[in-house]
Amino acid sequence: MRGRRATLIRSGQRIEDGGERFAQLYALARQLCPDGFTAEETRTLDALREHLSIAYVDGLRREVATKLELPPSTLSLDRFFIYGCGPIALHDDRHNYPGVYFVIIVAHSGRLGVVDAAGRAMRHQPGEILLLDPYRQHALVREGLRARDHAYERTHAPVHTEDDQFLFLDFDVKRRDLRERFQLRG
């Protein structure tokens, strides 16, 4: 019998070293990628990469590894991404991201929160570290809502309201390295 697995893990940890850069990074994202926050779609914001030094990203990697009690090698600099999006209905990303879990660092959440199929969204703080299983259904909806309360936005239009924009940094981690964290006990 397969054990139950979590979809989202709010680690209770936040980035402290360099966290002040998140507001600057978000302002830069709005300037360089004004249409990069799209409803119902996550977009890679590659224009921001040149504004983050390898030393900064490596510092994030080391801090996340320490806070999550993982070997730093679990988080590869080659599997680091910067994403922007607007609200997103319930979905899974198994096809787009095979073989990985997401280790997310929230840079800006507006009034949005990641939620599984059953829970209510809670706003995330800048620097908050989340673990997400992209194989399981999840959504990004306004604070207080459940995934089923969100009306799907068919046009996939850019979202320009700061409260409805979500910017996050991500390390894709091999499933074998985090599988145990997602096993629900009891």
C-alpha atoms as a PDB file:
ATOM      1  CA  MET A   1       0.000   0.000   0.000  1.00  0.00           C
ATOM      2  CA  ARG A   2       1.342   3.410  -0.914  1.00  0.00           C
ATOM      3  CA  GLY A   3       1.683   5.935   1.888  1.00  0.00           C
ATOM      4  CA  ARG A   4      -0.017   9.285   1.816  1.00  0.00           C
ATOM      5  CA  ARG A   5       2.098  12.151   0.569  1.00  0.00           C
ATOM      6  CA  ALA A   6       2.050  15.872   1.208  1.00  0.00           C
ATOM      7  CA  THR A   7       1.648  18.330  -1.645  1.00  0.00           C
ATOM      8  CA  LEU A   8       2.998  21.445   0.049  1.00  0.00           C
ATOM      9  CA  ILE A   9       5.324  21.754   3.024  1.00  0.00           C
ATOM     10  CA  ARG A  10       5.653  25.152   4.656  1.00  0.00           C
ATOM     11  CA  SER A  11       9.044  24.638   6.260  1.00  0.00           C
ATOM     12  CA  GLY A  12       8.659  27.419   8.820  1.00  0.00           C
ATOM     13  CA  GLN A  13      12.078  28.647   7.679  1.00  0.00           C
ATOM     14  CA  ARG A  14      13.020  31.914   5.973  1.00  0.00           C
ATOM     15  CA  ILE A  15      16.094  33.207   4.205  1.00  0.00           C
ATOM     16  CA  GLU A  16      17.952  35.690   6.382  1.00  0.00           C
ATOM     17  CA  ASP A  17      21.223  36.325   4.526  1.00  0.00           C
ATOM     18  CA  GLY A  18      20.516  38.592   1.570  1.00  0.00           C
ATOM     19  CA  GLY A  19      16.751  38.555   2.066  1.00  0.00           C
ATOM     20  CA  GLU A  20      16.642  42.352   1.705  1.00  0.00           C
ATOM     21  CA  ARG A  21      17.349  41.784  -1.977  1.00  0.00           C
ATOM     22  CA  PHE A  22      13.880  40.276  -2.571  1.00  0.00           C
ATOM     23  CA  ALA A  23      12.126  43.662  -2.724  1.00  0.00           C
ATOM     24  CA  GLN A  24      14.800  44.940  -5.120  1.00  0.00           C
ATOM     25  CA  LEU A  25      14.507  41.794  -7.247  1.00  0.00           C
ATOM     26  CA  TYR A  26      10.727  42.167  -7.428  1.00  0.00           C
ATOM     27  CA  ALA A  27      11.008  45.838  -8.478  1.00  0.00           C
ATOM     28  CA  LEU A  28      13.518  44.809 -11.139  1.00  0.00           C
ATOM     29  CA  ALA A  29      11.200  42.032 -12.347  1.00  0.00           C
ATOM     30  CA  ARG A  30       8.380  44.538 -12.797  1.00  0.00           C
ATOM     31  CA  GLN A  31      10.723  46.777 -14.764  1.00  0.00           C
ATOM     32  CA  LEU A  32      12.437  44.164 -16.961  1.00  0.00           C
ATOM     33  CA  CYS A  33       9.543  41.703 -17.340  1.00  0.00           C
ATOM     34  CA  PRO A  34       6.351  43.760 -17.038  1.00  0.00           C
ATOM     35  CA  ASP A  35       4.306  41.020 -18.733  1.00  0.00           C
ATOM     36  CA  GLY A  36       6.135  38.157 -16.995  1.00  0.00           C
ATOM     37  CA  PHE A  37       3.443  37.647 -14.364  1.00  0.00           C
ATOM     38  CA  THR A  38       0.792  35.744 -16.280  1.00  0.00           C
ATOM     39  CA  ALA A  39      -2.503  34.362 -15.040  1.00  0.00           C
ATOM     40  CA  GLU A  40      -2.670  30.565 -15.107  1.00  0.00           C
ATOM     41  CA  GLU A  41       0.946  30.215 -16.234  1.00  0.00           C
ATOM     42  CA  THR A  42       4.367  30.272 -14.604  1.00  0.00           C
ATOM     43  CA  ARG A  43       7.069  31.979 -16.639  1.00  0.00           C
ATOM     44  CA  THR A  44      10.829  31.770 -16.288  1.00  0.00           C
ATOM     45  CA  LEU A  45      12.204  35.287 -15.856  1.00  0.00           C
ATOM     46  CA  ASP A  46      15.659  34.781 -17.361  1.00  0.00           C
ATOM     47  CA  ALA A  47      16.286  38.535 -17.640  1.00  0.00           C
ATOM     48  CA  LEU A  48      16.748  38.607 -13.850  1.00  0.00           C
ATOM     49  CA  ARG A  49      19.508  35.982 -13.767  1.00  0.00           C
ATOM     50  CA  GLU A  50      22.217  38.416 -14.814  1.00  0.00           C
ATOM     51  CA  HIS A  51      21.315  40.570 -11.808  1.00  0.00           C
ATOM     52  CA  LEU A  52      22.036  37.770  -9.314  1.00  0.00           C
ATOM     53  CA  SER A  53      25.670  36.823  -8.862  1.00  0.00           C
ATOM     54  CA  ILE A  54      26.701  33.200  -8.598  1.00  0.00           C
ATOM     55  CA  ALA A  55      27.977  34.028  -5.106  1.00  0.00           C
ATOM     56  CA  TYR A  56      24.505  35.270  -4.084  1.00  0.00           C
ATOM     57  CA  VAL A  57      22.737  32.210  -5.496  1.00  0.00           C
ATOM     58  CA  ASP A  58      25.321  29.929  -3.857  1.00  0.00           C
ATOM     59  CA  GLY A  59      24.709  31.713  -0.553  1.00  0.00           C
ATOM     60  CA  LEU A  60      20.965  31.070  -0.922  1.00  0.00           C
ATOM     61  CA  ARG A  61      21.698  27.431  -1.740  1.00  0.00           C
ATOM     62  CA  ARG A  62      23.851  27.003   1.353  1.00  0.00           C
ATOM     63  CA  GLU A  63      21.378  28.758   3.642  1.00  0.00           C
ATOM     64  CA  VAL A  64      18.441  26.691   2.360  1.00  0.00           C
ATOM     65  CA  ALA A  65      20.476  23.490   2.751  1.00  0.00           C
ATOM     66  CA  THR A  66      21.383  24.414   6.334  1.00  0.00           C
ATOM     67  CA  LYS A  67      17.826  25.391   7.299  1.00  0.00           C
ATOM     68  CA  LEU A  68      16.350  22.229   5.735  1.00  0.00           C
ATOM     69  CA  GLU A  69      19.197  20.025   7.017  1.00  0.00           C
ATOM     70  CA  LEU A  70      20.158  18.860   3.534  1.00  0.00           C
ATOM     71  CA  PRO A  71      23.571  18.305   1.995  1.00  0.00           C
ATOM     72  CA  PRO A  72      24.329  21.428  -0.108  1.00  0.00           C
ATOM     73  CA  SER A  73      24.945  19.151  -3.108  1.00  0.00           C
ATOM     74  CA  THR A  74      21.207  18.363  -3.094  1.00  0.00           C
ATOM     75  CA  LEU A  75      20.570  21.888  -4.407  1.00  0.00           C
ATOM     76  CA  SER A  76      22.353  22.319  -7.718  1.00  0.00           C
ATOM     77  CA  LEU A  77      23.214  25.758  -9.087  1.00  0.00           C
ATOM     78  CA  ASP A  78      22.429  24.303 -12.521  1.00  0.00           C
ATOM     79  CA  ARG A  79      18.846  23.660 -11.401  1.00  0.00           C
ATOM     80  CA  PHE A  80      18.169  27.194 -10.100  1.00  0.00           C
ATOM     81  CA  PHE A  81      15.372  29.221 -11.712  1.00  0.00           C
ATOM     82  CA  ILE A  82      13.476  32.495 -11.236  1.00  0.00           C
ATOM     83  CA  TYR A  83       9.743  32.431 -11.949  1.00  0.00           C
ATOM     84  CA  GLY A  84       6.871  34.877 -12.094  1.00  0.00           C
ATOM     85  CA  CYS A  85       3.146  34.237 -12.329  1.00  0.00           C
ATOM     86  CA  GLY A  86      -0.296  35.427 -11.395  1.00  0.00           C
ATOM     87  CA  PRO A  87      -3.076  33.347  -9.828  1.00  0.00           C
ATOM     88  CA  ILE A  88      -3.213  29.766 -11.092  1.00  0.00           C
ATOM     89  CA  ALA A  89      -6.045  27.237 -10.866  1.00  0.00           C
ATOM     90  CA  LEU A  90      -5.645  23.709  -9.519  1.00  0.00           C
ATOM     91  CA  HIS A  91      -3.186  21.738 -11.667  1.00  0.00           C
ATOM     92  CA  ASP A  92      -0.176  19.459 -11.531  1.00  0.00           C
ATOM     93  CA  ASP A  93       3.187  19.818 -13.266  1.00  0.00           C
ATOM     94  CA  ARG A  94       4.165  16.154 -13.581  1.00  0.00           C
ATOM     95  CA  HIS A  95       4.549  16.380 -17.360  1.00  0.00           C
ATOM     96  CA  ASN A  96       6.568  19.618 -17.340  1.00  0.00           C
ATOM     97  CA  TYR A  97       8.865  18.757 -14.420  1.00  0.00           C
ATOM     98  CA  PRO A  98       9.494  15.010 -14.323  1.00  0.00           C
ATOM     99  CA  GLY A  99      11.680  13.607 -11.583  1.00  0.00           C
ATOM    100  CA  VAL A 100      11.875  16.646  -9.291  1.00  0.00           C
ATOM    101  CA  TYR A 101      10.460  18.371  -6.245  1.00  0.00           C
ATOM    102  CA  PHE A 102      10.545  22.157  -5.965  1.00  0.00           C
ATOM    103  CA  VAL A 103      12.375  23.972  -3.181  1.00  0.00           C
ATOM    104  CA  ILE A 104      10.875  27.460  -3.415  1.00  0.00           C
ATOM    105  CA  ILE A 105      12.055  30.737  -1.932  1.00  0.00           C
ATOM    106  CA  VAL A 106       9.261  33.307  -2.049  1.00  0.00           C
ATOM    107  CA  ALA A 107      10.468  36.728  -3.198  1.00  0.00           C
ATOM    108  CA  HIS A 108       7.044  38.421  -3.501  1.00  0.00           C
ATOM    109  CA  SER A 109       3.615  36.917  -2.885  1.00  0.00           C
ATOM    110  CA  GLY A 110       1.198  39.827  -3.029  1.00  0.00           C
ATOM    111  CA  ARG A 111      -2.009  38.450  -1.533  1.00  0.00           C
ATOM    112  CA  LEU A 112      -1.446  34.979  -3.013  1.00  0.00           C
ATOM    113  CA  GLY A 113      -0.708  31.636  -1.420  1.00  0.00           C
ATOM    114  CA  VAL A 114       0.169  28.174  -2.678  1.00  0.00           C
ATOM    115  CA  VAL A 115      -2.488  25.666  -1.685  1.00  0.00           C
ATOM    116  CA  ASP A 116      -3.264  21.985  -2.221  1.00  0.00           C
ATOM    117  CA  ALA A 117      -6.668  20.687  -3.331  1.00  0.00           C
ATOM    118  CA  ALA A 118      -8.195  20.884   0.168  1.00  0.00           C
ATOM    119  CA  GLY A 119      -6.608  23.780   2.084  1.00  0.00           C
ATOM    120  CA  ARG A 120      -7.108  27.526   2.218  1.00  0.00           C
ATOM    121  CA  ALA A 121      -4.426  29.829   0.876  1.00  0.00           C
ATOM    122  CA  MET A 122      -2.305  31.847   3.273  1.00  0.00           C
ATOM    123  CA  ARG A 123      -0.080  34.692   2.103  1.00  0.00           C
ATOM    124  CA  HIS A 124       3.659  33.912   2.093  1.00  0.00           C
ATOM    125  CA  GLN A 125       6.359  36.132   3.549  1.00  0.00           C
ATOM    126  CA  PRO A 126       9.393  37.175   1.484  1.00  0.00           C
ATOM    127  CA  GLY A 127      12.172  34.653   2.049  1.00  0.00           C
ATOM    128  CA  GLU A 128       9.793  31.874   3.124  1.00  0.00           C
ATOM    129  CA  ILE A 129      11.024  28.422   2.091  1.00  0.00           C
ATOM    130  CA  LEU A 130       8.414  26.032   0.685  1.00  0.00           C
ATOM    131  CA  LEU A 131       8.669  22.462  -0.560  1.00  0.00           C
ATOM    132  CA  LEU A 132       6.233  21.513  -3.321  1.00  0.00           C
ATOM    133  CA  ASP A 133       5.490  18.227  -5.042  1.00  0.00           C
ATOM    134  CA  PRO A 134       4.700  19.171  -8.651  1.00  0.00           C
ATOM    135  CA  TYR A 135       3.201  15.710  -9.259  1.00  0.00           C
ATOM    136  CA  ARG A 136       0.293  16.538  -6.956  1.00  0.00           C
ATOM    137  CA  GLN A 137      -2.439  19.068  -7.582  1.00  0.00           C
ATOM    138  CA  HIS A 138      -1.768  22.562  -6.287  1.00  0.00           C
ATOM    139  CA  ALA A 139      -2.890  26.109  -7.010  1.00  0.00           C
ATOM    140  CA  LEU A 140      -1.852  29.698  -6.366  1.00  0.00           C
ATOM    141  CA  VAL A 141      -4.879  31.664  -5.236  1.00  0.00           C
ATOM    142  CA  ARG A 142      -5.805  34.714  -3.217  1.00  0.00           C
ATOM    143  CA  GLU A 143      -5.410  34.540   0.523  1.00  0.00           C
ATOM    144  CA  GLY A 144      -8.350  32.853   2.257  1.00  0.00           C
ATOM    145  CA  LEU A 145      -9.577  31.001  -0.823  1.00  0.00           C
ATOM    146  CA  ARG A 146      -9.505  27.302  -1.574  1.00  0.00           C
ATOM    147  CA  ALA A 147      -8.386  26.119  -4.984  1.00  0.00           C
ATOM    148  CA  ARG A 148     -11.987  25.369  -5.978  1.00  0.00           C
ATOM    149  CA  ASP A 149     -12.967  29.000  -5.188  1.00  0.00           C
ATOM    150  CA  HIS A 150     -10.637  30.351  -7.882  1.00  0.00           C
ATOM    151  CA  ALA A 151     -12.185  31.163 -11.261  1.00  0.00           C
ATOM    152  CA  TYR A 152      -9.920  29.981 -14.085  1.00  0.00           C
ATOM    153  CA  GLU A 153      -8.632  32.906 -16.176  1.00  0.00           C
ATOM    154  CA  ARG A 154      -9.007  31.704 -19.779  1.00  0.00           C
ATOM    155  CA  THR A 155      -7.035  34.461 -21.531  1.00  0.00           C
ATOM    156  CA  HIS A 156      -3.754  33.780 -19.682  1.00  0.00           C
ATOM    157  CA  ALA A 157      -3.250  37.541 -19.783  1.00  0.00           C
ATOM    158  CA  PRO A 158      -0.451  39.349 -17.958  1.00  0.00           C
ATOM    159  CA  VAL A 159      -1.338  40.387 -14.424  1.00  0.00           C
ATOM    160  CA  HIS A 160      -0.093  43.862 -13.499  1.00  0.00           C
ATOM    161  CA  THR A 161      -1.581  44.323 -10.024  1.00  0.00           C
ATOM    162  CA  GLU A 162       1.136  43.806  -7.381  1.00  0.00           C
ATOM    163  CA  ASP A 163      -1.286  41.957  -5.094  1.00  0.00           C
ATOM    164  CA  ASP A 164      -1.852  39.348  -7.807  1.00  0.00           C
ATOM    165  CA  GLN A 165       1.801  38.825  -8.746  1.00  0.00           C
ATOM    166  CA  PHE A 166       3.995  36.029  -7.372  1.00  0.00           C
ATOM    167  CA  LEU A 167       7.789  35.975  -7.776  1.00  0.00           C
ATOM    168  CA  PHE A 168       9.823  33.034  -6.566  1.00  0.00           C
ATOM    169  CA  LEU A 169      13.243  31.468  -6.774  1.00  0.00           C
ATOM    170  CA  ASP A 170      13.418  27.718  -7.202  1.00  0.00           C
ATOM    171  CA  PHE A 171      15.833  24.841  -6.928  1.00  0.00           C
ATOM    172  CA  ASP A 172      14.610  21.694  -8.680  1.00  0.00           C
ATOM    173  CA  VAL A 173      15.669  18.752  -6.501  1.00  0.00           C
ATOM    174  CA  LYS A 174      15.749  15.103  -7.538  1.00  0.00           C
ATOM    175  CA  ARG A 175      12.791  13.246  -6.078  1.00  0.00           C
ATOM    176  CA  ARG A 176      14.982  10.607  -4.440  1.00  0.00           C
ATOM    177  CA  ASP A 177      16.600  13.347  -2.327  1.00  0.00           C
ATOM    178  CA  LEU A 178      13.357  14.684  -0.808  1.00  0.00           C
ATOM    179  CA  ARG A 179      10.859  11.823  -1.108  1.00  0.00           C
ATOM    180  CA  GLU A 180      10.939  11.036   2.600  1.00  0.00           C
ATOM    181  CA  ARG A 181      10.021  14.634   3.523  1.00  0.00           C
ATOM    182  CA  PHE A 182       6.736  14.292   1.667  1.00  0.00           C
ATOM    183  CA  GLN A 183       5.636  11.053   3.402  1.00  0.00           C
ATOM    184  CA  LEU A 184       2.768  11.736   5.806  1.00  0.00           C
ATOM    185  CA  ARG A 185       2.957   9.861   9.090  1.00  0.00           C
ATOM    186  CA  GLY A 186       0.065   8.589  11.096  1.00  0.00           C
END
